[in-house]
Amino acid sequence: MEKILHLHIEKLPEGVYLATSESVQGLIAQGRTVAETLEIARDVARKLIEAQQEDELAALPTVNDAFDYPLIIGV
C-alpha cells in the first residue's frame, strides 16, 4: 500500500537542502541535491512510520489511481 506524504523542502544558506514534514513527526532529511534529499526523506519516513503507531500510517492519504506530482527538472 502506498501513502502520500507531503514534504517541505528548503535550500539552506550552506547550499544543502532540508526536508521536513508535518505529516510524520520527527522527519528531517538533508542532502546535497533535491533528489538526494527526497531519497533520504523516503527512507527516514519509512523507518519513523514503522517505529510509530499504526495510527500514524492510517492518517496518511492513500495513493489513488490519479494524483498530482510536482516534477522538478534542472535546465
Protein backbone atom coordinates (compact mmCIF):
# COMPACT_ATOMS: atom_id res chain seq x y z
CA MET A 1 0.00 0.00 0.00
CA GLU A 2 1.34 3.42 -0.91
CA LYS A 3 0.60 6.56 1.08
CA ILE A 4 1.08 10.23 0.22
CA LEU A 5 3.44 12.21 2.42
CA HIS A 6 3.77 15.96 1.98
CA LEU A 7 7.28 17.36 2.38
CA HIS A 8 8.54 20.90 2.81
CA ILE A 9 11.93 21.36 1.15
CA GLU A 10 14.09 24.43 1.50
CA LYS A 11 17.58 25.33 0.37
CA LEU A 12 19.75 26.35 3.31
CA PRO A 13 22.40 29.10 3.14
CA GLU A 14 25.06 26.37 3.32
CA GLY A 15 23.86 25.15 -0.09
CA VAL A 16 22.22 21.91 1.09
CA TYR A 17 18.52 21.03 1.04
CA LEU A 18 16.43 20.30 4.13
CA ALA A 19 13.20 18.31 4.06
CA THR A 20 10.66 18.26 6.90
CA SER A 21 7.08 17.06 7.12
CA GLU A 22 4.06 17.89 9.22
CA SER A 23 2.61 14.51 8.20
CA VAL A 24 5.23 12.42 10.07
CA GLN A 25 6.51 13.77 13.35
CA GLY A 26 10.30 13.86 13.55
CA LEU A 27 11.01 13.63 9.83
CA ILE A 28 14.11 15.65 8.95
CA ALA A 29 16.33 14.86 5.97
CA GLN A 30 19.24 16.75 4.45
CA GLY A 31 21.02 16.25 1.14
CA ARG A 32 23.27 17.95 -1.42
CA THR A 33 20.55 17.86 -4.11
CA VAL A 34 16.77 17.77 -4.12
CA ALA A 35 16.86 14.18 -5.45
CA GLU A 36 19.24 13.04 -2.71
CA THR A 37 17.12 14.80 -0.07
CA LEU A 38 13.96 13.07 -1.34
CA GLU A 39 15.66 9.67 -1.27
CA ILE A 40 16.83 10.20 2.30
CA ALA A 41 13.42 11.56 3.35
CA ARG A 42 11.71 8.45 1.91
CA ASP A 43 13.97 6.16 3.95
CA VAL A 44 13.57 8.22 7.13
CA ALA A 45 9.78 8.33 6.71
CA ARG A 46 9.59 4.55 6.33
CA LYS A 47 11.62 3.98 9.47
CA LEU A 48 9.66 6.54 11.50
CA ILE A 49 6.30 5.16 10.40
CA GLU A 50 7.40 1.61 11.24
CA ALA A 51 8.58 2.75 14.67
CA GLN A 52 5.45 4.79 15.42
CA GLN A 53 1.93 3.59 15.93
CA GLU A 54 -0.17 2.24 13.08
CA ASP A 55 -2.46 5.27 13.64
CA GLU A 56 0.21 7.46 12.02
CA LEU A 57 0.15 5.37 8.84
CA ALA A 58 -3.66 5.32 8.75
CA ALA A 59 -3.75 9.12 8.93
CA LEU A 60 -1.79 9.50 5.67
CA PRO A 61 -3.86 9.62 2.48
CA THR A 62 -3.69 6.60 0.18
CA VAL A 63 -2.35 6.98 -3.35
CA ASN A 64 -5.25 6.85 -5.80
CA ASP A 65 -5.20 5.95 -9.48
CA ALA A 66 -4.56 9.62 -10.31
CA PHE A 67 -2.75 12.31 -8.34
CA ASP A 68 -0.71 15.47 -8.90
CA TYR A 69 3.07 15.33 -8.60
CA PRO A 70 5.38 18.32 -8.96
CA LEU A 71 8.23 17.30 -11.27
CA ILE A 72 11.40 19.30 -10.73
CA ILE A 73 13.93 19.39 -13.57
CA GLY A 74 17.22 21.19 -13.95
CA VAL A 75 17.61 23.28 -17.10
